[in-house]
């Protein structure tokens, strides 16, 4: 069955360009041009993914993202004209799975959409639970707990944490992480990795991931029992 994509973008020509490319990839696409009607359409149609502009009339993209995530966990690719990491981090914090900065090609957007959908529609046949220090990861539910309290991670954040922890302290380059987590074959998008690592540190603790300058990232080894 074809996946349904909702584009919430106030630039009409850009919205139509994005929709045309996604329709050519086999998606069903709806367009809304302001935040308020975008939220209403999301509630009504329950799309498989939302492409969401950050700067919108009526409601801005961050508030739209907050509202739709309260209703139903929906994958979001956020579109921003700002090359401002603080905006990106806020977007990731309210539930966005990935972001793309204008200007971009319709082909790049389609690749991001496919990658996010692959991650968010993965199914697990086991119910394995694994521990990393005081963090408790549930593979099948794709959730994390700390002191019996659930911590919300996006699908991308969960997969990034899993990739780093599974490497058992080995350093992974940004290119390796882009390939393993995002499915990108080239090295573009290093800032995407950096932004998601910052989001992980904010949610799971600043000491979870260490930076190896000039190389990449590695999960820290949790302390053993005293």
Protein backbone atom coordinates (compact mmCIF):
# COMPACT_ATOMS: atom_id res chain seq x y z
CA UNK A 1 0.00 0.00 0.00
CA UNK A 2 1.30 3.45 -0.92
CA UNK A 3 2.54 5.61 1.93
CA UNK A 4 0.84 8.97 2.54
CA UNK A 5 2.98 12.06 2.92
CA UNK A 6 1.75 15.41 4.20
CA UNK A 7 3.71 18.49 3.12
CA UNK A 8 3.20 21.59 5.26
CA UNK A 9 4.96 24.39 3.40
CA UNK A 10 3.86 27.99 2.74
CA UNK A 11 5.96 28.43 -0.43
CA UNK A 12 3.45 27.14 -2.99
CA UNK A 13 5.93 26.50 -5.81
CA UNK A 14 8.31 24.63 -3.52
CA UNK A 15 5.47 22.58 -2.05
CA UNK A 16 4.32 21.57 -5.53
CA UNK A 17 7.90 20.72 -6.56
CA UNK A 18 8.34 18.49 -3.52
CA UNK A 19 4.95 16.88 -4.04
CA UNK A 20 5.68 16.17 -7.70
CA UNK A 21 8.90 14.34 -6.87
CA UNK A 22 7.35 12.34 -4.03
CA UNK A 23 4.36 11.36 -6.18
CA UNK A 24 6.78 10.15 -8.85
CA UNK A 25 8.26 7.90 -6.15
CA UNK A 26 4.85 6.32 -5.55
CA UNK A 27 3.68 8.29 -2.51
CA UNK A 28 0.24 9.77 -1.96
CA UNK A 29 0.84 13.44 -1.15
CA UNK A 30 -1.30 16.11 0.51
CA UNK A 31 -0.26 19.76 0.79
CA UNK A 32 -1.20 22.38 3.35
CA UNK A 33 0.21 25.90 3.34
CA UNK A 34 -0.07 26.97 6.97
CA UNK A 35 0.51 25.42 10.35
CA UNK A 36 -3.07 25.36 11.60
CA UNK A 37 -4.57 23.58 8.60
CA UNK A 38 -1.51 21.35 8.53
CA UNK A 39 -2.29 20.11 12.05
CA UNK A 40 -5.95 19.60 11.11
CA UNK A 41 -5.00 17.59 8.01
CA UNK A 42 -2.56 15.50 10.00
CA UNK A 43 -5.26 14.63 12.53
CA UNK A 44 -7.72 13.77 9.77
CA UNK A 45 -5.54 11.71 7.43
CA UNK A 46 -2.88 10.30 9.81
CA UNK A 47 -0.05 10.40 7.23
CA UNK A 48 2.92 8.05 7.35
CA UNK A 49 5.31 11.02 7.36
CA UNK A 50 5.17 14.81 7.47
CA UNK A 51 7.50 17.16 5.59
CA UNK A 52 7.29 20.27 7.75
CA UNK A 53 8.63 23.76 7.12
CA UNK A 54 9.99 25.52 10.19
CA UNK A 55 8.69 28.99 9.28
CA UNK A 56 4.92 28.90 8.73
CA UNK A 57 1.98 31.27 9.12
CA UNK A 58 -0.65 30.64 11.82
CA UNK A 59 1.51 28.15 13.75
CA UNK A 60 5.25 27.76 13.32
CA UNK A 61 6.79 24.40 12.51
CA UNK A 62 7.94 23.71 16.06
CA UNK A 63 4.44 24.13 17.48
CA UNK A 64 2.99 22.06 14.64
CA UNK A 65 5.45 19.29 15.43
CA UNK A 66 4.56 19.40 19.13
CA UNK A 67 0.85 19.18 18.42
CA UNK A 68 0.96 16.33 15.93
CA UNK A 69 3.28 14.28 18.16
CA UNK A 70 0.83 14.65 21.05
CA UNK A 71 -1.89 13.13 18.87
CA UNK A 72 0.10 10.27 17.29
CA UNK A 73 3.76 9.39 16.85
CA UNK A 74 4.41 10.60 13.30
CA UNK A 75 7.78 10.71 11.53
CA UNK A 76 8.76 14.27 10.61
CA UNK A 77 11.36 15.66 8.22
CA UNK A 78 11.77 19.33 9.11
CA UNK A 79 12.60 21.88 6.43
CA UNK A 80 14.48 24.99 7.48
CA UNK A 81 15.85 28.00 5.65
CA UNK A 82 18.01 28.79 8.66
CA UNK A 83 21.48 27.37 8.95
CA UNK A 84 21.11 27.65 12.70
CA UNK A 85 21.92 24.64 14.84
CA UNK A 86 19.80 25.85 17.75
CA UNK A 87 16.67 25.67 15.59
CA UNK A 88 17.64 22.18 14.46
CA UNK A 89 18.17 20.98 18.01
CA UNK A 90 14.82 22.37 19.12
CA UNK A 91 13.18 20.61 16.17
CA UNK A 92 14.79 17.30 17.11
CA UNK A 93 13.73 17.85 20.70
CA UNK A 94 10.04 18.14 19.83
CA UNK A 95 10.00 14.98 17.73
CA UNK A 96 11.49 15.63 14.29
CA UNK A 97 13.36 12.61 12.89
CA UNK A 98 15.53 14.44 10.37
CA UNK A 99 15.95 17.87 8.84
CA UNK A 100 16.95 19.36 5.53
CA UNK A 101 18.19 22.90 4.91
CA UNK A 102 17.05 25.04 1.98
CA UNK A 103 18.05 25.08 -0.80
CA UNK A 104 17.85 21.36 -1.51
CA UNK A 105 17.04 19.17 -4.48
CA UNK A 106 13.79 17.17 -4.70
CA UNK A 107 15.99 14.09 -5.10
CA UNK A 108 17.67 14.75 -1.75
CA UNK A 109 14.30 15.23 -0.07
CA UNK A 110 13.02 11.94 -1.51
CA UNK A 111 16.13 10.15 -0.21
CA UNK A 112 15.54 11.58 3.28
CA UNK A 113 11.89 10.54 3.23
CA UNK A 114 12.71 6.99 2.15
CA UNK A 115 15.42 6.71 4.81
CA UNK A 116 13.19 7.94 7.64
CA UNK A 117 10.37 5.62 6.60
CA UNK A 118 12.74 2.66 6.53
CA UNK A 119 13.85 3.41 10.07
CA UNK A 120 10.41 4.10 11.50
CA UNK A 121 8.70 1.08 9.92
CA UNK A 122 11.28 -1.50 10.97
CA UNK A 123 9.84 -4.36 12.95
CA UNK A 124 11.65 -6.44 15.51
CA UNK A 125 10.84 -10.12 16.03
CA UNK A 126 12.50 -10.32 19.43
CA UNK A 127 11.83 -8.56 22.68
CA UNK A 128 15.44 -8.20 23.67
CA UNK A 129 16.25 -5.69 26.36
CA UNK A 130 19.80 -4.47 26.69
CA UNK A 131 21.47 -2.27 29.27
CA UNK A 132 24.06 0.45 28.93
CA UNK A 133 24.94 1.67 32.38
CA UNK A 134 21.68 2.81 33.96
CA UNK A 135 19.92 3.07 30.59
CA UNK A 136 17.53 0.27 29.62
CA UNK A 137 16.87 -0.10 25.87
CA UNK A 138 13.86 -2.06 24.60
CA UNK A 139 14.54 -3.16 21.02
CA UNK A 140 11.01 -4.17 20.04
CA UNK A 141 9.31 -1.16 21.60
CA UNK A 142 12.20 1.11 20.58
CA UNK A 143 12.09 2.88 23.93
CA UNK A 144 14.64 3.81 26.57
CA UNK A 145 14.17 3.95 30.33
CA UNK A 146 16.21 5.59 33.05
CA UNK A 147 15.20 4.90 36.67
CA UNK A 148 11.95 3.34 35.33
CA UNK A 149 11.03 6.56 33.53
CA UNK A 150 10.63 6.46 29.77
CA UNK A 151 12.73 8.84 27.67
CA UNK A 152 11.30 9.78 24.30
CA UNK A 153 13.69 9.21 21.41
CA UNK A 154 12.86 9.61 17.77
CA UNK A 155 13.45 6.55 15.57
CA UNK A 156 16.62 8.16 14.28
CA UNK A 157 17.94 8.89 17.76
CA UNK A 158 17.22 5.33 18.89
CA UNK A 159 19.04 3.84 15.90
CA UNK A 160 21.99 6.20 16.38
CA UNK A 161 22.30 5.25 20.05
CA UNK A 162 22.04 1.57 19.12
CA UNK A 163 24.73 1.89 16.42
CA UNK A 164 27.14 3.59 18.79
CA UNK A 165 26.54 1.27 21.73
CA UNK A 166 26.70 -1.85 19.55
CA UNK A 167 30.15 -0.78 18.38
CA UNK A 168 31.34 -1.44 21.98
CA UNK A 169 33.54 1.63 22.24
CA UNK A 170 34.90 1.54 18.70
CA UNK A 171 35.03 4.92 16.99
CA UNK A 172 32.58 5.35 14.11
CA UNK A 173 33.15 8.09 11.56
CA UNK A 174 30.35 10.39 10.52
CA UNK A 175 30.35 8.67 7.12
CA UNK A 176 29.90 5.26 8.77
CA UNK A 177 27.04 6.56 10.90
CA UNK A 178 25.37 8.22 7.92
CA UNK A 179 25.49 4.88 6.12
CA UNK A 180 24.39 2.71 9.05
CA UNK A 181 21.68 4.95 10.49
CA UNK A 182 20.49 7.17 7.67
CA UNK A 183 21.28 4.91 4.73
CA UNK A 184 23.21 7.63 2.90
CA UNK A 185 25.94 6.40 0.61
CA UNK A 186 27.94 9.62 0.34
CA UNK A 187 29.53 11.75 3.02
CA UNK A 188 27.12 14.67 2.79
CA UNK A 189 25.14 15.46 5.89
CA UNK A 190 27.83 15.45 8.56
CA UNK A 191 25.96 18.20 10.43
CA UNK A 192 22.98 15.85 10.62
CA UNK A 193 25.08 13.42 12.64
CA UNK A 194 26.45 16.19 14.86
CA UNK A 195 22.97 17.56 15.60
CA UNK A 196 21.56 14.15 16.49
CA UNK A 197 24.53 13.39 18.75
CA UNK A 198 23.85 16.65 20.60
CA UNK A 199 20.20 15.66 20.95
CA UNK A 200 21.21 12.25 22.36
CA UNK A 201 23.52 13.88 24.88
CA UNK A 202 20.78 16.22 25.99
CA UNK A 203 18.25 13.40 26.45
CA UNK A 204 20.45 10.53 27.70
CA UNK A 205 23.33 12.35 29.35
CA UNK A 206 26.32 14.33 28.15
CA UNK A 207 28.69 11.47 28.96
CA UNK A 208 26.98 8.87 26.73
CA UNK A 209 28.95 9.71 23.57
CA UNK A 210 32.52 10.93 23.32
CA UNK A 211 33.87 12.93 20.41
CA UNK A 212 37.09 11.76 18.78
CA UNK A 213 38.20 14.92 17.01
CA UNK A 214 38.96 14.47 13.36
CA UNK A 215 37.52 10.95 13.37
CA UNK A 216 33.98 10.63 14.70
CA UNK A 217 32.08 9.41 17.74
CA UNK A 218 32.11 6.49 20.16
CA UNK A 219 29.87 5.37 23.01
CA UNK A 220 31.53 5.62 26.37
CA UNK A 221 31.99 2.49 28.50
CA UNK A 222 29.63 2.67 31.48
CA UNK A 223 31.19 2.18 34.90
CA UNK A 224 30.97 -1.30 36.33
CA UNK A 225 29.35 -2.13 39.64
CA UNK A 226 31.20 -0.80 42.66
